Amino acid sequence: MSGPRVFGIAGWKNSGKTGLAVRLVEEFTRRGYRISTIKHAHHDFDIDKVGADSYRHRQAGAHEVTIVSGTRYAIMHELRGEPEPAFEEILARLAPCDLVLIEGYKHEKIPKIEARRLQAAKREPLAPTDPYICAIAADHPVTDTALPRFDLDDTLAIADFIATTLDLPAFQP
């Protein structure tokens, strides 16, 4: 796949994916990299408030609504019965960056780390059936794999592993 460097965080619900993603964004940003993220949701979600002007635009039937201010902008795209866009389509819409961290999308053919927590909704390992998982980050000892293993909270070591795996260039301030 051409385009930006991409690395995923896969795991079951409550496996620690979001916490790890946030810490990795903070760490890579601290190192000077421009980071983008894509989060896949398995449920309906809304980032708009009922009654807001943008909400009213969507309710009226707008295909896309863009909200712009001096600090950020957001584009909401209503599918209106169309299928969910492919991962590659979403990736193509991002602005250029050094690294895109992906949370979810556990079946995409991208390098990933599997997050495991004892309190996860499911504890069945993903790695044995996903050749794109190249490491495990867990809050408990993992002995069922020869893949590199990290403590789920060892953000520095995981960030170093991702940078090495993707051959991320050293940041030049």
Protein backbone atom coordinates (compact mmCIF):
# COMPACT_ATOMS: atom_id res chain seq x y z
CA MET A 1 0.00 0.00 0.00
CA SER A 2 1.49 3.37 -0.99
CA GLY A 3 0.83 6.52 0.99
CA PRO A 4 1.49 7.37 4.62
CA ARG A 5 3.07 5.04 7.13
CA VAL A 6 0.25 3.21 8.89
CA PHE A 7 0.24 1.12 12.06
CA GLY A 8 -2.75 -0.45 13.77
CA ILE A 9 -3.82 -1.27 17.29
CA ALA A 10 -6.18 -4.25 17.34
CA GLY A 11 -7.97 -5.99 20.17
CA TRP A 12 -11.31 -6.83 21.65
CA LYS A 13 -13.54 -4.33 23.45
CA ASN A 14 -11.91 -3.04 26.67
CA SER A 15 -8.51 -4.46 25.69
CA GLY A 16 -6.74 -1.12 26.16
CA LYS A 17 -6.66 0.01 22.51
CA THR A 18 -7.77 3.60 23.11
CA GLY A 19 -5.48 4.20 26.07
CA LEU A 20 -2.52 2.85 24.11
CA ALA A 21 -3.45 4.91 21.05
CA VAL A 22 -3.67 8.12 23.10
CA ARG A 23 -0.32 7.48 24.80
CA LEU A 24 1.32 6.70 21.44
CA VAL A 25 -0.06 9.89 19.89
CA GLU A 26 1.32 11.86 22.84
CA GLU A 27 4.72 10.13 22.58
CA PHE A 28 5.13 10.48 18.81
CA THR A 29 3.97 14.11 19.03
CA ARG A 30 6.51 14.71 21.82
CA ARG A 31 9.16 13.29 19.47
CA GLY A 32 8.14 15.87 16.87
CA TYR A 33 6.12 13.76 14.44
CA ARG A 34 2.82 14.77 12.86
CA ILE A 35 0.34 12.03 13.76
CA SER A 36 -3.16 11.32 12.48
CA THR A 37 -5.54 8.68 13.74
CA ILE A 38 -8.44 6.69 12.38
CA LYS A 39 -10.84 5.07 14.85
CA HIS A 40 -13.33 2.48 13.64
CA ALA A 41 -16.65 2.33 15.48
CA HIS A 42 -18.90 -0.71 15.30
CA HIS A 43 -21.92 1.32 16.28
CA ASP A 44 -23.75 4.45 15.22
CA PHE A 45 -22.18 7.63 16.53
CA ASP A 46 -22.80 11.34 16.28
CA ILE A 47 -20.36 14.20 16.81
CA ASP A 48 -23.04 16.83 16.35
CA LYS A 49 -25.45 18.28 18.92
CA VAL A 50 -29.19 18.16 18.36
CA GLY A 51 -30.39 21.64 17.48
CA ALA A 52 -26.99 22.96 16.33
CA ASP A 53 -26.97 24.64 12.93
CA SER A 54 -24.79 21.87 11.46
CA TYR A 55 -27.15 19.24 12.86
CA ARG A 56 -30.05 21.03 11.20
CA HIS A 57 -28.14 21.05 7.89
CA ARG A 58 -27.65 17.27 8.11
CA GLN A 59 -31.26 16.68 9.10
CA ALA A 60 -32.34 18.72 6.10
CA GLY A 61 -30.51 16.26 3.85
CA ALA A 62 -27.02 17.68 3.27
CA HIS A 63 -24.59 15.07 1.93
CA GLU A 64 -21.61 16.67 3.70
CA VAL A 65 -21.54 19.39 6.34
CA THR A 66 -18.31 21.19 7.15
CA ILE A 67 -17.95 23.19 10.34
CA VAL A 68 -15.03 25.61 10.40
CA SER A 69 -13.66 27.84 13.15
CA GLY A 70 -10.38 29.52 13.91
CA THR A 71 -9.19 26.46 15.83
CA ARG A 72 -10.48 23.40 13.92
CA TYR A 73 -12.75 22.09 11.24
CA ALA A 74 -14.78 18.93 10.88
CA ILE A 75 -16.44 17.37 7.87
CA MET A 76 -19.40 15.13 8.52
CA HIS A 77 -20.35 12.88 5.64
CA GLU A 78 -23.76 11.24 5.74
CA LEU A 79 -23.83 7.81 4.11
CA ARG A 80 -27.62 7.92 3.63
CA GLY A 81 -27.83 4.19 3.00
CA GLU A 82 -24.56 3.87 1.08
CA PRO A 83 -22.06 1.27 2.34
CA GLU A 84 -19.36 2.19 4.82
CA PRO A 85 -16.34 3.55 2.92
CA ALA A 86 -13.34 1.29 2.47
CA PHE A 87 -10.37 1.80 4.75
CA GLU A 88 -8.28 3.04 1.79
CA GLU A 89 -10.88 5.74 0.99
CA ILE A 90 -10.72 7.10 4.53
CA LEU A 91 -6.92 6.97 4.54
CA ALA A 92 -6.81 8.89 1.25
CA ARG A 93 -8.82 11.77 2.77
CA LEU A 94 -6.24 12.51 5.48
CA ALA A 95 -3.79 15.37 5.17
CA PRO A 96 -0.12 14.39 4.81
CA CYS A 97 1.48 13.24 8.06
CA ASP A 98 4.35 11.12 9.37
CA LEU A 99 2.25 8.30 10.79
CA VAL A 100 -1.39 7.25 10.88
CA LEU A 101 -2.33 5.22 13.95
CA ILE A 102 -5.36 3.01 13.38
CA GLU A 103 -7.59 1.91 16.24
CA GLY A 104 -9.82 -0.98 15.33
CA TYR A 105 -10.03 -2.19 11.74
CA LYS A 106 -8.67 -5.48 13.05
CA HIS A 107 -9.05 -7.22 9.68
CA GLU A 108 -7.07 -4.71 7.60
CA LYS A 109 -3.81 -5.86 6.04
CA ILE A 110 -1.60 -3.41 7.92
CA PRO A 111 1.04 -4.00 10.59
CA LYS A 112 -0.60 -4.06 14.01
CA ILE A 113 0.02 -4.60 17.67
CA GLU A 114 -2.57 -6.63 19.54
CA ALA A 115 -3.74 -5.11 22.83
CA ARG A 116 -4.75 -7.62 25.50
CA ARG A 117 -6.19 -7.01 28.94
CA LEU A 118 -7.51 -9.47 31.46
CA GLN A 119 -10.69 -7.33 31.73
CA ALA A 120 -11.39 -7.38 27.98
CA ALA A 121 -14.84 -8.41 26.73
CA LYS A 122 -13.21 -11.35 24.93
CA ARG A 123 -9.78 -12.82 25.55
CA GLU A 124 -9.37 -15.03 22.49
CA PRO A 125 -5.99 -14.07 20.95
CA LEU A 126 -6.13 -12.45 17.51
CA ALA A 127 -2.47 -13.03 16.61
CA PRO A 128 -2.70 -16.75 15.74
CA THR A 129 -5.08 -16.01 12.85
CA ASP A 130 -3.77 -12.58 11.75
CA PRO A 131 -0.35 -12.58 10.06
CA TYR A 132 -0.30 -8.75 10.20
CA ILE A 133 -0.07 -8.69 14.00
CA CYS A 134 3.63 -8.21 14.66
CA ALA A 135 3.62 -7.76 18.46
CA ILE A 136 1.50 -8.13 21.59
CA ALA A 137 0.95 -5.52 24.32
CA ALA A 138 -0.68 -6.97 27.43
CA ASP A 139 -1.35 -6.29 31.09
CA HIS A 140 -0.51 -9.91 31.94
CA PRO A 141 2.15 -12.46 31.00
CA VAL A 142 1.76 -13.78 27.44
CA THR A 143 3.32 -17.15 26.64
CA ASP A 144 1.27 -18.33 23.64
CA THR A 145 3.36 -16.57 20.97
CA ALA A 146 6.88 -16.03 19.72
CA LEU A 147 5.98 -12.44 18.71
CA PRO A 148 7.59 -9.54 20.56
CA ARG A 149 5.70 -8.83 23.79
CA PHE A 150 5.35 -5.55 25.66
CA ASP A 151 3.73 -4.41 28.84
CA LEU A 152 0.57 -2.57 27.77
CA ASP A 153 1.77 0.52 29.65
CA ASP A 154 5.32 0.55 28.22
CA THR A 155 4.55 3.32 25.75
CA LEU A 156 8.20 4.21 25.04
CA ALA A 157 9.18 0.65 24.08
CA ILE A 158 6.04 0.24 21.94
CA ALA A 159 6.67 3.58 20.19
CA ASP A 160 10.28 2.54 19.52
CA PHE A 161 9.06 -0.79 18.11
CA ILE A 162 6.58 0.95 15.79
CA ALA A 163 9.20 3.47 14.63
CA THR A 164 11.64 0.65 13.86
CA THR A 165 9.02 -1.57 12.21
CA LEU A 166 7.91 1.24 9.90
CA ASP A 167 11.43 2.63 9.40
CA LEU A 168 10.09 5.98 10.58
CA PRO A 169 12.76 8.58 9.81
CA ALA A 170 14.45 10.23 12.76
CA PHE A 171 12.76 13.55 13.44
CA GLN A 172 14.77 16.60 12.47
CA PRO A 173 13.65 19.70 14.46
